Amino acid sequence: MAIPHLLRAAERPRARNLGVPFDGTPGPLDAITDVRGVEVGHSTIIRGKGALKVGEGPVRTGVTAILPRGQQSDRDPVFAGWFSQNGNGEMTGTAWVEESGFLEGPVMITNTHSVGTVRDAVISWRVRRGAPDQTGYWWSLPVVAETWDGELNDVNGFHVKSEHVEEALSSARSGSVPEGNVGGGTGMICNGFKGGIGTASRKTSEEGGGYVVGALVQCNYGRRVDLRIAGVPVGREITGRSPREDDSGSIIVVLATDAPLLPHQLKRLARRVTLGLGRMGSISGNGSGDLFIAFSTANPGAAKTTGVGSPAMLPNDRMNPLFEATVQATEEAVVNAMVAAETMTGANDVTVQALPHEEVRRVLRKYGRLIESQR
């Protein structure tokens, strides 16, 4: 059974609800959808239990779609840039993003062995929606990224189908974003606890332009011992068996901003994701695919094929507030993913425990970092 949204976003706890302190000023939703026009959709597939039987399950997986300009995303490309911190992963279409400077269509996230299915389904979605592109050609190089959910999911059973991709795309909405065990993040593990989808945003000061930077993560990386929250070594303080002892997972981060940035500037923004993950204790291990893409919703119509465009560009000297916002939003998005995620039992009855909220509060209080009034 495919479940687009297991629970409304408002019903899931978030890191700030626990009293976790964060720097910076979030947008109204504290989500990537604070960037006007951005929409997010999920398709979540959960069925079966017990012993793994390839092709039959259990299934704990899904698809997440991020549409830069909502349902017009395939008709008005956005400037974009991408960065690989460690390349043991996949993000298709990035050679053309690097070459052209444009993201043409949505960003999709799923499990490692479903990338091809999702890519093909996005092309089919694009063809069904209308005429060829402005050059007259029917062609598309979709951006599809992945992380590995093979501990909990029958990853070799290829359970993500074209209808799930369609569901994620058609259900994409602005507003609050469901987090945790949803979409592509359904079967993921992060820092030794249950991981998944998380999001956050930051707004720069009026002096910094009043721009918004939003981050959405699918987090599946890290060791428990390295986990830091608000600068506190939470992973060392919460004992227990971890499903992974090595940093062999991955993380995908999608950044959106309304600041008028050109592709080379968006690549600079994507690089700053690493600093946000560093705050969390990430070492970007050899087995981790740490891949990031950033896009700007400014400069509509920049991809037109006639005339001479005049895109707006923020001076490089004014980018520091955006760098800061990226670091802060990335950090909070990962914590939000872990806080929202729930304990899950999957293939072969493997159970991954959720981050224990009261234990996190206890540790933060011990180090003098808990905001008591948030409860």
Protein backbone atom coordinates (compact mmCIF):
# COMPACT_ATOMS: atom_id res chain seq x y z
CA MET A 1 0.00 0.00 0.00
CA ALA A 2 1.33 3.43 -0.94
CA ILE A 3 0.84 6.08 1.73
CA PRO A 4 1.50 9.62 0.48
CA HIS A 5 1.57 11.19 3.93
CA LEU A 6 1.48 8.92 6.98
CA LEU A 7 0.65 11.83 9.24
CA ARG A 8 0.14 15.48 8.60
CA ALA A 9 3.34 17.44 9.12
CA ALA A 10 1.77 19.33 12.01
CA GLU A 11 1.30 16.08 13.94
CA ARG A 12 4.99 15.21 13.90
CA PRO A 13 7.36 16.62 16.51
CA ARG A 14 10.20 18.87 15.41
CA ALA A 15 13.55 19.61 16.99
CA ARG A 16 12.47 23.01 18.28
CA ASN A 17 9.55 21.37 20.10
CA LEU A 18 12.10 19.45 22.16
CA GLY A 19 13.97 22.60 23.11
CA VAL A 20 16.93 22.14 20.76
CA PRO A 21 18.61 25.55 20.29
CA PHE A 22 19.46 26.67 16.75
CA ASP A 23 21.09 29.76 15.34
CA GLY A 24 19.42 32.08 12.85
CA THR A 25 15.88 33.07 11.98
CA PRO A 26 13.67 30.43 10.32
CA GLY A 27 10.96 31.18 7.81
CA PRO A 28 7.29 30.84 8.79
CA LEU A 29 7.22 27.09 8.13
CA ASP A 30 10.89 26.39 8.85
CA ALA A 31 10.87 24.36 5.63
CA ILE A 32 12.17 24.41 2.08
CA THR A 33 8.67 25.49 1.03
CA ASP A 34 9.33 28.88 2.66
CA VAL A 35 10.97 29.61 -0.69
CA ARG A 36 7.97 30.76 -2.69
CA GLY A 37 6.92 28.38 -5.45
CA VAL A 38 8.71 25.29 -4.12
CA GLU A 39 6.51 22.24 -3.65
CA VAL A 40 7.27 18.85 -2.07
CA GLY A 41 5.47 15.52 -2.49
CA HIS A 42 6.00 12.00 -1.19
CA SER A 43 4.95 8.48 -2.00
CA THR A 44 5.55 6.08 0.89
CA ILE A 45 5.47 2.29 0.50
CA ILE A 46 5.20 0.17 3.64
CA ARG A 47 4.02 -3.43 3.53
CA GLY A 48 4.93 -6.86 4.83
CA LYS A 49 7.00 -8.05 7.76
CA GLY A 50 9.31 -10.86 8.77
CA ALA A 51 11.95 -12.66 6.74
CA LEU A 52 13.27 -11.03 3.59
CA LYS A 53 12.10 -12.63 0.35
CA VAL A 54 13.53 -10.76 -2.61
CA GLY A 55 10.70 -9.47 -4.76
CA GLU A 56 8.12 -9.93 -2.02
CA GLY A 57 9.35 -7.77 0.85
CA PRO A 58 9.14 -6.51 3.48
CA VAL A 59 8.98 -3.11 1.80
CA ARG A 60 10.04 0.12 3.51
CA THR A 61 10.78 2.65 0.80
CA GLY A 62 9.35 5.41 -1.40
CA VAL A 63 9.93 8.52 -3.48
CA THR A 64 10.20 12.23 -2.67
CA ALA A 65 9.75 14.99 -5.25
CA ILE A 66 10.94 18.60 -4.95
CA LEU A 67 9.51 20.92 -7.61
CA PRO A 68 11.31 24.29 -7.82
CA ARG A 69 8.44 26.09 -9.53
CA GLY A 70 5.62 23.76 -8.58
CA GLN A 71 3.79 22.18 -11.49
CA GLN A 72 5.49 24.62 -13.88
CA SER A 73 8.93 23.22 -13.06
CA ASP A 74 9.33 21.41 -16.36
CA ARG A 75 8.45 24.56 -18.32
CA ASP A 76 10.67 27.16 -16.65
CA PRO A 77 14.11 25.81 -15.63
CA VAL A 78 15.94 27.32 -12.68
CA PHE A 79 19.61 28.20 -12.30
CA ALA A 80 21.35 25.46 -10.31
CA GLY A 81 24.68 24.13 -9.11
CA TRP A 82 25.69 20.84 -7.51
CA PHE A 83 28.53 19.51 -5.39
CA SER A 84 29.81 16.06 -4.42
CA GLN A 85 31.44 15.92 -1.00
CA ASN A 86 31.90 12.16 -1.37
CA GLY A 87 30.83 10.30 -4.45
CA ASN A 88 29.75 6.87 -3.23
CA GLY A 89 26.24 7.59 -4.44
CA GLU A 90 24.21 8.73 -7.42
CA MET A 91 22.57 11.93 -8.56
CA THR A 92 21.65 11.64 -12.22
CA GLY A 93 21.49 14.59 -14.59
CA THR A 94 24.21 16.56 -12.84
CA ALA A 95 26.60 16.52 -15.79
CA TRP A 96 24.06 18.67 -17.65
CA VAL A 97 23.41 20.83 -14.58
CA GLU A 98 27.15 21.49 -14.45
CA GLU A 99 27.37 22.17 -18.17
CA SER A 100 24.20 24.20 -18.70
CA GLY A 101 23.75 25.82 -15.29
CA PHE A 102 20.07 24.86 -15.28
CA LEU A 103 17.89 22.39 -13.41
CA GLU A 104 15.13 21.35 -15.80
CA GLY A 105 12.25 19.83 -13.86
CA PRO A 106 12.03 18.30 -10.37
CA VAL A 107 14.61 16.79 -8.05
CA MET A 108 13.63 13.25 -7.09
CA ILE A 109 14.99 11.17 -4.20
CA THR A 110 14.53 7.42 -3.69
CA ASN A 111 16.46 4.27 -2.76
CA THR A 112 19.68 3.23 -4.48
CA HIS A 113 18.28 0.53 -6.75
CA SER A 114 15.21 2.48 -7.86
CA VAL A 115 17.04 5.39 -9.51
CA GLY A 116 16.49 4.03 -13.02
CA THR A 117 12.79 3.46 -12.52
CA VAL A 118 12.30 6.95 -11.12
CA ARG A 119 14.34 8.55 -13.88
CA ASP A 120 12.31 6.84 -16.61
CA ALA A 121 9.03 7.70 -14.89
CA VAL A 122 9.95 11.39 -14.69
CA ILE A 123 10.66 11.42 -18.43
CA SER A 124 7.27 9.81 -19.06
CA TRP A 125 5.62 12.42 -16.81
CA ARG A 126 7.34 15.16 -18.76
CA VAL A 127 6.25 13.77 -22.15
CA ARG A 128 2.63 13.38 -21.07
CA ARG A 129 2.42 16.95 -19.82
CA GLY A 130 2.81 18.77 -23.10
CA ALA A 131 4.83 19.73 -26.13
CA PRO A 132 8.57 19.33 -26.67
CA ASP A 133 10.88 21.82 -25.00
CA GLN A 134 11.68 25.23 -26.46
CA THR A 135 14.30 23.76 -28.75
CA GLY A 136 11.71 21.41 -30.27
CA TYR A 137 13.17 18.21 -28.86
CA TRP A 138 11.60 15.52 -26.68
CA TRP A 139 14.46 14.93 -24.31
CA SER A 140 15.09 15.11 -20.61
CA LEU A 141 17.92 14.42 -18.18
CA PRO A 142 16.11 14.19 -14.82
CA VAL A 143 17.89 14.74 -11.51
CA VAL A 144 17.33 11.63 -9.39
CA ALA A 145 19.30 11.00 -6.20
CA GLU A 146 19.42 8.06 -3.81
CA THR A 147 20.43 6.66 -0.46
CA TRP A 148 20.56 2.98 0.60
CA ASP A 149 17.73 1.44 2.62
CA GLY A 150 18.76 -2.21 2.33
CA GLU A 151 18.80 -2.93 6.08
CA LEU A 152 15.05 -2.36 6.39
CA ASN A 153 13.80 -2.67 2.81
CA ASP A 154 13.77 -5.31 0.10
CA VAL A 155 15.96 -3.01 -1.99
CA ASN A 156 16.56 -5.68 -4.65
CA GLY A 157 12.84 -6.26 -5.08
CA PHE A 158 12.38 -3.07 -7.12
CA HIS A 159 9.14 -2.09 -5.42
CA VAL A 160 9.17 1.55 -6.51
CA LYS A 161 7.06 1.75 -9.65
CA SER A 162 6.11 4.52 -12.06
CA GLU A 163 2.81 5.05 -10.24
CA HIS A 164 4.70 5.93 -7.05
CA VAL A 165 6.72 8.52 -8.93
CA GLU A 166 3.51 9.94 -10.36
CA GLU A 167 2.00 10.02 -6.87
CA ALA A 168 4.95 11.95 -5.45
CA LEU A 169 4.83 14.46 -8.30
CA SER A 170 1.07 14.94 -8.33
CA SER A 171 0.83 15.23 -4.53
CA ALA A 172 3.53 17.93 -4.34
CA ARG A 173 2.30 20.95 -2.40
CA SER A 174 3.53 24.10 -0.78
CA GLY A 175 3.05 24.46 2.98
CA SER A 176 4.28 22.15 5.74
CA VAL A 177 6.42 19.21 4.65
CA PRO A 178 5.91 15.74 6.19
CA GLU A 179 9.18 14.53 7.72
CA GLY A 180 10.74 11.35 9.08
CA ASN A 181 9.63 7.96 7.72
CA VAL A 182 8.12 9.29 4.50
CA GLY A 183 8.88 9.19 0.79
CA GLY A 184 12.42 8.32 -0.17
CA GLY A 185 13.41 8.55 3.49
CA THR A 186 11.09 5.76 4.66
CA GLY A 187 13.73 3.09 5.29
CA MET A 188 16.75 5.25 6.11
CA ILE A 189 19.11 5.25 9.11
CA CYS A 190 20.96 8.33 10.38
CA ASN A 191 23.72 8.48 12.97
CA GLY A 192 22.71 5.10 14.35
CA PHE A 193 19.05 6.05 14.78
CA LYS A 194 16.07 6.09 12.44
CA GLY A 195 16.56 8.75 9.75
CA GLY A 196 14.59 9.96 6.76
CA ILE A 197 13.32 13.26 5.37
CA GLY A 198 13.87 16.56 7.16
CA THR A 199 13.65 20.21 6.24
CA ALA A 200 14.37 23.68 7.62
CA SER A 201 14.82 27.25 6.41
CA ARG A 202 16.55 30.48 7.27
CA LYS A 203 15.74 34.07 6.40
CA THR A 204 18.55 36.59 6.08
CA SER A 205 18.25 40.01 7.66
CA GLU A 206 16.83 42.93 5.70
CA GLU A 207 20.39 44.22 5.48
CA GLY A 208 21.29 40.84 3.96
CA GLY A 209 18.46 41.16 1.44
CA GLY A 210 15.70 39.36 3.33
CA TYR A 211 16.28 36.26 1.22
CA VAL A 212 15.25 32.74 2.18
CA VAL A 213 17.34 29.59 2.02
CA GLY A 214 15.53 26.27 2.49
CA ALA A 215 17.07 22.82 2.89
CA LEU A 216 15.54 19.38 2.47
CA VAL A 217 17.58 16.31 3.40
CA GLN A 218 17.27 12.59 2.96
CA CYS A 219 19.66 11.50 5.70
CA ASN A 220 21.10 8.01 5.87
CA TYR A 221 24.67 8.71 6.98
CA GLY A 222 26.89 8.76 10.04
CA ARG A 223 27.87 6.87 13.17
CA ARG A 224 26.14 7.22 16.51
CA VAL A 225 29.40 7.99 18.29
CA ASP A 226 29.92 11.07 16.10
CA LEU A 227 26.43 12.56 16.49
CA ARG A 228 26.36 16.09 17.84
CA ILE A 229 23.22 18.17 18.35
CA ALA A 230 23.57 21.86 19.15
CA GLY A 231 27.27 21.21 19.77
CA VAL A 232 26.55 18.50 22.36
CA PRO A 233 27.98 14.95 21.93
CA VAL A 234 24.56 13.33 22.08
CA GLY A 235 25.75 10.14 20.38
CA ARG A 236 28.30 9.44 23.09
CA GLU A 237 25.78 10.06 25.84
CA ILE A 238 23.00 7.78 24.56
CA THR A 239 24.23 4.22 24.78
CA GLY A 240 22.89 1.19 22.97
CA ARG A 241 23.48 -0.97 19.96
CA SER A 242 23.66 0.78 16.60
CA PRO A 243 22.55 -0.91 13.36
CA ARG A 244 25.69 0.43 11.68
CA GLU A 245 29.13 0.72 13.19
CA ASP A 246 30.74 2.46 10.21
CA ASP A 247 29.89 5.62 8.26
CA SER A 248 28.65 3.75 5.21
CA GLY A 249 25.36 5.52 4.47
CA SER A 250 24.66 8.65 2.44
CA ILE A 251 22.92 11.99 2.53
CA ILE A 252 21.22 14.00 -0.18
CA VAL A 253 20.65 17.70 0.43
CA VAL A 254 18.52 19.94 -1.77
CA LEU A 255 18.85 23.70 -1.27
CA ALA A 256 16.38 26.27 -2.55
CA THR A 257 16.67 30.05 -2.40
CA ASP A 258 14.89 33.07 -3.78
CA ALA A 259 18.15 35.02 -3.90
CA PRO A 260 19.18 35.92 -7.48
CA LEU A 261 22.20 33.65 -7.83
CA LEU A 262 23.92 32.36 -10.94
CA PRO A 263 25.04 28.72 -11.32
CA HIS A 264 28.59 29.24 -10.07
CA GLN A 265 27.21 30.98 -6.97
CA LEU A 266 24.74 28.16 -6.35
CA LYS A 267 27.61 25.68 -6.48
CA ARG A 268 29.32 27.78 -3.82
CA LEU A 269 26.12 27.56 -1.75
CA ALA A 270 25.97 23.77 -2.17
CA ARG A 271 29.53 23.44 -0.89
CA ARG A 272 28.51 25.06 2.41
CA VAL A 273 26.23 22.11 3.16
CA THR A 274 29.36 20.28 4.30
CA LEU A 275 29.80 22.80 7.13
CA GLY A 276 26.27 22.16 8.37
CA LEU A 277 26.92 18.42 8.38
CA GLY A 278 30.21 19.01 10.13
CA ARG A 279 28.30 20.64 12.98
CA MET A 280 26.45 17.33 13.32
CA GLY A 281 29.70 15.37 13.56
CA SER A 282 29.81 14.01 10.01
CA ILE A 283 33.19 12.85 8.72
CA SER A 284 31.84 12.07 5.23
CA GLY A 285 33.08 8.49 5.33
CA ASN A 286 34.47 6.51 2.42
CA GLY A 287 31.24 4.58 1.97
CA SER A 288 28.99 7.62 2.11
CA GLY A 289 27.42 9.34 -0.89
CA ASP A 290 27.17 12.99 0.13
CA LEU A 291 25.62 14.83 -2.82
CA PHE A 292 24.09 18.30 -2.79
CA ILE A 293 22.20 20.46 -5.28
CA ALA A 294 21.15 24.10 -4.95
CA PHE A 295 18.75 26.09 -7.11
CA SER A 296 17.35 29.61 -7.24
CA THR A 297 13.76 30.48 -8.04
CA ALA A 298 14.80 33.99 -9.08
CA ASN A 299 15.25 34.94 -12.75
CA PRO A 300 12.13 33.32 -14.24
CA GLY A 301 12.38 32.87 -17.98
CA ALA A 302 16.18 32.78 -17.93
CA ALA A 303 16.19 29.61 -20.03
CA LYS A 304 14.40 31.16 -23.00
CA THR A 305 15.96 30.27 -26.35
CA THR A 306 15.53 33.60 -28.14
CA GLY A 307 16.83 37.09 -27.55
CA VAL A 308 19.41 38.13 -24.99
CA GLY A 309 18.61 37.55 -21.34
CA SER A 310 19.45 39.94 -18.52
CA PRO A 311 19.55 37.81 -15.36
CA ALA A 312 19.92 39.49 -11.99
CA MET A 313 22.90 38.48 -9.84
CA LEU A 314 23.65 39.11 -6.21
CA PRO A 315 27.24 40.35 -5.81
CA ASN A 316 29.60 37.76 -4.37
CA ASP A 317 30.43 40.15 -1.56
CA ARG A 318 26.83 39.85 -0.35
CA MET A 319 26.73 36.05 -0.19
CA ASN A 320 27.97 35.56 3.37
CA PRO A 321 24.46 35.72 4.89
CA LEU A 322 23.37 33.01 2.44
CA PHE A 323 26.34 30.84 3.36
CA GLU A 324 25.42 31.19 7.01
CA ALA A 325 21.77 30.40 6.29
CA THR A 326 22.79 27.25 4.38
CA VAL A 327 24.89 25.93 7.26
CA GLN A 328 22.15 26.60 9.79
CA ALA A 329 19.28 25.20 7.71
CA THR A 330 21.20 22.04 6.84
CA GLU A 331 21.99 21.35 10.48
CA GLU A 332 18.40 21.80 11.61
CA ALA A 333 16.96 19.81 8.71
CA VAL A 334 18.97 16.74 9.74
CA VAL A 335 17.88 17.04 13.37
CA ASN A 336 14.27 17.50 12.27
CA ALA A 337 14.49 14.31 10.21
CA MET A 338 15.75 12.33 13.20
CA VAL A 339 13.25 13.84 15.63
CA ALA A 340 10.30 13.14 13.32
CA ALA A 341 11.37 9.60 12.45
CA GLU A 342 9.76 6.75 14.35
CA THR A 343 11.15 3.36 15.35
CA MET A 344 10.82 0.96 12.43
CA THR A 345 11.04 -2.83 12.05
CA GLY A 346 11.76 -4.06 8.55
CA ALA A 347 13.29 -6.96 6.65
CA ASN A 348 14.38 -9.92 8.75
CA ASP A 349 12.82 -8.15 11.75
CA VAL A 350 15.69 -5.66 11.90
CA THR A 351 14.59 -2.82 14.17
CA VAL A 352 16.06 0.67 14.07
CA GLN A 353 15.23 2.77 17.09
CA ALA A 354 14.08 6.36 16.83
CA LEU A 355 16.10 9.08 18.46
CA PRO A 356 14.77 9.07 22.06
CA HIS A 357 13.34 12.54 22.65
CA GLU A 358 13.54 12.61 26.42
CA GLU A 359 17.10 11.33 26.35
CA VAL A 360 18.05 14.13 23.96
CA ARG A 361 16.48 16.64 26.32
CA ARG A 362 18.34 15.11 29.26
CA VAL A 363 21.69 15.36 27.49
CA LEU A 364 21.08 18.91 26.30
CA ARG A 365 20.09 19.90 29.83
CA LYS A 366 23.26 18.30 31.20
CA TYR A 367 25.36 20.50 28.94
CA GLY A 368 23.29 23.61 29.56
CA ARG A 369 21.92 23.73 26.02
CA LEU A 370 18.22 22.91 26.48
CA ILE A 371 15.60 25.61 25.91
CA GLU A 372 13.15 24.62 28.63
CA SER A 373 10.39 26.99 27.50
CA GLN A 374 9.97 25.13 24.19
CA ARG A 375 7.96 22.35 25.86
